[in-house]
């Protein structure tokens, strides 16, 4: 397990590296992010993103909950067995879908995003602790889709607005 020092938005991330030859066995001729499932030591994982890092290599970020499940941190060795997760799906919540039904252009842009990017929006909405916060996040998501903003751009614009 490795950890980025200064690496832009990835600063401090804990991750594992997947060499180019292994990534090509998992998904031949692919240079974009994709989802995998399998085992990290004895921990079953699915829907984990492999992200390209150049030279054909990929990384898999390990969130705190995964590291806790492994009882390991940066510097530790892991036994990794993974395959492409072809069953990974993004489920649009009913309340968000209801808003998309009124804004077909927003839905069209949302569906043009990679599955993992759509998942950012949905997880952000689902993590709201109150119904008011959830409603605001749905509105922000719809507005972002109408403006053709990706998740990180929406968050930056929200920070500017205060």
C-alpha atoms as a PDB file:
ATOM      1  CA  UNK A   1       0.000   0.000   0.000  1.00  0.00           C
ATOM      2  CA  UNK A   2       1.380   3.368  -1.034  1.00  0.00           C
ATOM      3  CA  UNK A   3       0.499   6.957  -0.162  1.00  0.00           C
ATOM      4  CA  UNK A   4       0.797  10.111  -2.255  1.00  0.00           C
ATOM      5  CA  UNK A   5       2.762  12.990  -0.761  1.00  0.00           C
ATOM      6  CA  UNK A   6       2.193  16.066  -2.967  1.00  0.00           C
ATOM      7  CA  UNK A   7       0.022  14.990  -5.915  1.00  0.00           C
ATOM      8  CA  UNK A   8      -2.560  17.716  -6.505  1.00  0.00           C
ATOM      9  CA  UNK A   9      -6.053  16.520  -5.617  1.00  0.00           C
ATOM     10  CA  UNK A  10      -4.662  13.070  -4.768  1.00  0.00           C
ATOM     11  CA  UNK A  11      -2.389  14.381  -1.970  1.00  0.00           C
ATOM     12  CA  UNK A  12      -2.572  12.012   1.005  1.00  0.00           C
ATOM     13  CA  UNK A  13      -4.443   9.245  -0.833  1.00  0.00           C
ATOM     14  CA  UNK A  14      -3.581   5.675   0.141  1.00  0.00           C
ATOM     15  CA  UNK A  15      -3.624   3.378  -2.886  1.00  0.00           C
ATOM     16  CA  UNK A  16      -2.280   0.284  -4.582  1.00  0.00           C
ATOM     17  CA  UNK A  17      -0.623   0.381  -7.966  1.00  0.00           C
ATOM     18  CA  UNK A  18      -1.700  -1.929 -10.765  1.00  0.00           C
ATOM     19  CA  UNK A  19       1.062  -2.281 -13.386  1.00  0.00           C
ATOM     20  CA  UNK A  20       0.204  -1.768 -17.054  1.00  0.00           C
ATOM     21  CA  UNK A  21       0.587  -5.466 -17.972  1.00  0.00           C
ATOM     22  CA  UNK A  22      -1.843  -6.536 -15.231  1.00  0.00           C
ATOM     23  CA  UNK A  23      -4.337  -3.793 -16.163  1.00  0.00           C
ATOM     24  CA  UNK A  24      -4.217  -4.973 -19.793  1.00  0.00           C
ATOM     25  CA  UNK A  25      -5.050  -8.539 -18.678  1.00  0.00           C
ATOM     26  CA  UNK A  26      -8.049  -7.195 -16.728  1.00  0.00           C
ATOM     27  CA  UNK A  27      -9.386  -5.004 -19.560  1.00  0.00           C
ATOM     28  CA  UNK A  28      -7.370  -5.201 -22.810  1.00  0.00           C
ATOM     29  CA  UNK A  29      -6.707  -2.005 -24.799  1.00  0.00           C
ATOM     30  CA  UNK A  30      -8.311   0.187 -22.120  1.00  0.00           C
ATOM     31  CA  UNK A  31      -6.791   3.480 -20.975  1.00  0.00           C
ATOM     32  CA  UNK A  32      -9.785   4.848 -18.972  1.00  0.00           C
ATOM     33  CA  UNK A  33     -11.016   4.277 -15.418  1.00  0.00           C
ATOM     34  CA  UNK A  34     -13.004   1.105 -14.870  1.00  0.00           C
ATOM     35  CA  UNK A  35     -14.474  -0.838 -11.952  1.00  0.00           C
ATOM     36  CA  UNK A  36     -13.105  -4.040 -10.449  1.00  0.00           C
ATOM     37  CA  UNK A  37     -14.147  -6.574  -7.842  1.00  0.00           C
ATOM     38  CA  UNK A  38     -12.274  -9.249  -5.966  1.00  0.00           C
ATOM     39  CA  UNK A  39     -10.275  -9.738  -2.797  1.00  0.00           C
ATOM     40  CA  UNK A  40      -7.790  -7.515  -0.971  1.00  0.00           C
ATOM     41  CA  UNK A  41      -6.235  -9.938   1.502  1.00  0.00           C
ATOM     42  CA  UNK A  42      -9.407 -11.518   2.946  1.00  0.00           C
ATOM     43  CA  UNK A  43     -11.662  -8.499   2.276  1.00  0.00           C
ATOM     44  CA  UNK A  44     -14.172  -8.827  -0.572  1.00  0.00           C
ATOM     45  CA  UNK A  45     -14.544  -5.614  -2.603  1.00  0.00           C
ATOM     46  CA  UNK A  46     -16.653  -4.619  -5.592  1.00  0.00           C
ATOM     47  CA  UNK A  47     -17.230  -1.492  -7.632  1.00  0.00           C
ATOM     48  CA  UNK A  48     -13.700  -0.241  -6.832  1.00  0.00           C
ATOM     49  CA  UNK A  49     -12.304   2.172  -9.433  1.00  0.00           C
ATOM     50  CA  UNK A  50      -9.010   1.552 -11.211  1.00  0.00           C
ATOM     51  CA  UNK A  51      -7.776   4.940 -12.412  1.00  0.00           C
ATOM     52  CA  UNK A  52      -5.113   5.523 -15.087  1.00  0.00           C
ATOM     53  CA  UNK A  53      -1.864   7.141 -13.924  1.00  0.00           C
ATOM     54  CA  UNK A  54       0.064   7.283 -17.185  1.00  0.00           C
ATOM     55  CA  UNK A  55       2.508   4.852 -18.776  1.00  0.00           C
ATOM     56  CA  UNK A  56      -0.395   2.348 -18.800  1.00  0.00           C
ATOM     57  CA  UNK A  57      -0.321   1.947 -15.012  1.00  0.00           C
ATOM     58  CA  UNK A  58      -3.445   2.261 -12.874  1.00  0.00           C
ATOM     59  CA  UNK A  59      -4.128   2.888  -9.193  1.00  0.00           C
ATOM     60  CA  UNK A  60      -6.886   1.812  -6.828  1.00  0.00           C
ATOM     61  CA  UNK A  61      -7.562   4.332  -4.041  1.00  0.00           C
ATOM     62  CA  UNK A  62      -8.219   2.727  -0.659  1.00  0.00           C
ATOM     63  CA  UNK A  63     -10.668   4.743   1.439  1.00  0.00           C
ATOM     64  CA  UNK A  64     -10.461   4.755   5.231  1.00  0.00           C
ATOM     65  CA  UNK A  65     -13.285   2.199   5.540  1.00  0.00           C
ATOM     66  CA  UNK A  66     -11.374  -0.251   3.303  1.00  0.00           C
ATOM     67  CA  UNK A  67      -8.134   0.306   5.229  1.00  0.00           C
ATOM     68  CA  UNK A  68     -10.007  -0.289   8.503  1.00  0.00           C
ATOM     69  CA  UNK A  69     -11.474  -3.491   7.054  1.00  0.00           C
ATOM     70  CA  UNK A  70      -7.974  -4.608   6.117  1.00  0.00           C
ATOM     71  CA  UNK A  71      -6.451  -3.414   9.431  1.00  0.00           C
ATOM     72  CA  UNK A  72      -3.602  -1.978   7.349  1.00  0.00           C
ATOM     73  CA  UNK A  73      -2.180   1.391   6.309  1.00  0.00           C
ATOM     74  CA  UNK A  74       0.410   2.792   3.879  1.00  0.00           C
ATOM     75  CA  UNK A  75       3.533   0.662   3.769  1.00  0.00           C
ATOM     76  CA  UNK A  76       1.700  -2.636   4.307  1.00  0.00           C
ATOM     77  CA  UNK A  77       1.711  -5.474   1.800  1.00  0.00           C
ATOM     78  CA  UNK A  78      -1.557  -6.779   0.326  1.00  0.00           C
ATOM     79  CA  UNK A  79      -2.512  -9.958  -1.486  1.00  0.00           C
ATOM     80  CA  UNK A  80      -4.680  -8.749  -4.403  1.00  0.00           C
ATOM     81  CA  UNK A  81      -6.988 -10.787  -6.615  1.00  0.00           C
ATOM     82  CA  UNK A  82      -9.217  -8.674  -8.885  1.00  0.00           C
ATOM     83  CA  UNK A  83     -11.242  -8.829 -12.096  1.00  0.00           C
ATOM     84  CA  UNK A  84     -13.322  -6.322 -14.030  1.00  0.00           C
ATOM     85  CA  UNK A  85     -16.637  -5.656 -12.274  1.00  0.00           C
ATOM     86  CA  UNK A  86     -19.080  -5.889 -15.171  1.00  0.00           C
ATOM     87  CA  UNK A  87     -22.089  -5.898 -12.811  1.00  0.00           C
ATOM     88  CA  UNK A  88     -21.325  -2.438 -11.401  1.00  0.00           C
ATOM     89  CA  UNK A  89     -24.433  -0.266 -11.813  1.00  0.00           C
ATOM     90  CA  UNK A  90     -25.430   3.240 -10.870  1.00  0.00           C
ATOM     91  CA  UNK A  91     -28.957   3.303  -9.429  1.00  0.00           C
ATOM     92  CA  UNK A  92     -30.648   6.704  -9.777  1.00  0.00           C
ATOM     93  CA  UNK A  93     -32.754   7.445  -6.658  1.00  0.00           C
ATOM     94  CA  UNK A  94     -36.475   7.970  -7.294  1.00  0.00           C
ATOM     95  CA  UNK A  95     -36.472  11.607  -6.114  1.00  0.00           C
ATOM     96  CA  UNK A  96     -33.595  12.489  -8.447  1.00  0.00           C
ATOM     97  CA  UNK A  97     -35.237  10.608 -11.332  1.00  0.00           C
ATOM     98  CA  UNK A  98     -38.450  12.561 -10.728  1.00  0.00           C
ATOM     99  CA  UNK A  99     -36.522  15.805 -11.265  1.00  0.00           C
ATOM    100  CA  UNK A 100     -34.792  14.379 -14.351  1.00  0.00           C
ATOM    101  CA  UNK A 101     -38.249  13.579 -15.762  1.00  0.00           C
ATOM    102  CA  UNK A 102     -38.920  17.348 -15.809  1.00  0.00           C
ATOM    103  CA  UNK A 103     -35.454  18.194 -17.186  1.00  0.00           C
ATOM    104  CA  UNK A 104     -34.640  15.772 -20.038  1.00  0.00           C
ATOM    105  CA  UNK A 105     -31.556  17.813 -21.033  1.00  0.00           C
ATOM    106  CA  UNK A 106     -30.163  17.368 -17.516  1.00  0.00           C
ATOM    107  CA  UNK A 107     -30.794  13.629 -17.722  1.00  0.00           C
ATOM    108  CA  UNK A 108     -29.134  13.426 -21.135  1.00  0.00           C
ATOM    109  CA  UNK A 109     -25.950  15.060 -19.802  1.00  0.00           C
ATOM    110  CA  UNK A 110     -26.027  12.912 -16.638  1.00  0.00           C
ATOM    111  CA  UNK A 111     -26.252   9.751 -18.745  1.00  0.00           C
ATOM    112  CA  UNK A 112     -23.349  10.943 -20.923  1.00  0.00           C
ATOM    113  CA  UNK A 113     -21.047  10.909 -17.872  1.00  0.00           C
ATOM    114  CA  UNK A 114     -19.051   7.787 -17.018  1.00  0.00           C
ATOM    115  CA  UNK A 115     -20.779   5.532 -14.470  1.00  0.00           C
ATOM    116  CA  UNK A 116     -18.228   6.433 -11.805  1.00  0.00           C
ATOM    117  CA  UNK A 117     -18.922  10.166 -12.249  1.00  0.00           C
ATOM    118  CA  UNK A 118     -22.679   9.635 -12.003  1.00  0.00           C
ATOM    119  CA  UNK A 119     -21.975   7.687  -8.827  1.00  0.00           C
ATOM    120  CA  UNK A 120     -20.218  10.741  -7.271  1.00  0.00           C
ATOM    121  CA  UNK A 121     -23.430  12.746  -7.559  1.00  0.00           C
ATOM    122  CA  UNK A 122     -25.628   9.940  -6.244  1.00  0.00           C
ATOM    123  CA  UNK A 123     -23.397   9.174  -3.261  1.00  0.00           C
ATOM    124  CA  UNK A 124     -23.260  12.884  -2.410  1.00  0.00           C
ATOM    125  CA  UNK A 125     -27.067  13.072  -2.495  1.00  0.00           C
ATOM    126  CA  UNK A 126     -27.475   9.844  -0.505  1.00  0.00           C
ATOM    127  CA  UNK A 127     -25.070  11.044   2.207  1.00  0.00           C
ATOM    128  CA  UNK A 128     -27.291  14.018   3.085  1.00  0.00           C
ATOM    129  CA  UNK A 129     -28.320  13.797   6.735  1.00  0.00           C
ATOM    130  CA  UNK A 130     -31.576  15.778   6.440  1.00  0.00           C
ATOM    131  CA  UNK A 131     -34.337  15.888   3.841  1.00  0.00           C
ATOM    132  CA  UNK A 132     -33.647  19.619   3.364  1.00  0.00           C
ATOM    133  CA  UNK A 133     -29.981  18.959   2.569  1.00  0.00           C
ATOM    134  CA  UNK A 134     -30.961  16.111   0.241  1.00  0.00           C
ATOM    135  CA  UNK A 135     -33.396  18.394  -1.634  1.00  0.00           C
ATOM    136  CA  UNK A 136     -30.709  21.098  -2.002  1.00  0.00           C
ATOM    137  CA  UNK A 137     -28.232  18.529  -3.327  1.00  0.00           C
ATOM    138  CA  UNK A 138     -30.735  17.252  -5.873  1.00  0.00           C
ATOM    139  CA  UNK A 139     -31.379  20.827  -7.046  1.00  0.00           C
ATOM    140  CA  UNK A 140     -27.620  21.485  -7.264  1.00  0.00           C
ATOM    141  CA  UNK A 141     -27.182  18.270  -9.254  1.00  0.00           C
ATOM    142  CA  UNK A 142     -29.938  19.144 -11.733  1.00  0.00           C
ATOM    143  CA  UNK A 143     -28.519  22.661 -12.171  1.00  0.00           C
ATOM    144  CA  UNK A 144     -25.012  21.236 -12.677  1.00  0.00           C
ATOM    145  CA  UNK A 145     -26.318  18.862 -15.366  1.00  0.00           C
ATOM    146  CA  UNK A 146     -28.089  21.727 -17.155  1.00  0.00           C
ATOM    147  CA  UNK A 147     -24.812  23.693 -17.106  1.00  0.00           C
ATOM    148  CA  UNK A 148     -22.897  20.567 -18.221  1.00  0.00           C
ATOM    149  CA  UNK A 149     -20.711  20.612 -15.107  1.00  0.00           C
ATOM    150  CA  UNK A 150     -18.954  17.586 -13.770  1.00  0.00           C
ATOM    151  CA  UNK A 151     -18.979  16.862 -10.038  1.00  0.00           C
ATOM    152  CA  UNK A 152     -15.737  18.657  -9.143  1.00  0.00           C
ATOM    153  CA  UNK A 153     -16.734  21.738 -11.162  1.00  0.00           C
ATOM    154  CA  UNK A 154     -20.106  21.873  -9.392  1.00  0.00           C
ATOM    155  CA  UNK A 155     -18.397  21.738  -5.985  1.00  0.00           C
ATOM    156  CA  UNK A 156     -15.984  24.539  -6.966  1.00  0.00           C
ATOM    157  CA  UNK A 157     -18.856  26.717  -8.157  1.00  0.00           C
ATOM    158  CA  UNK A 158     -20.810  26.037  -4.947  1.00  0.00           C
ATOM    159  CA  UNK A 159     -17.794  27.129  -2.867  1.00  0.00           C
ATOM    160  CA  UNK A 160     -17.557  30.394  -4.832  1.00  0.00           C
ATOM    161  CA  UNK A 161     -21.217  31.119  -4.153  1.00  0.00           C
ATOM    162  CA  UNK A 162     -20.645  30.547  -0.427  1.00  0.00           C
END
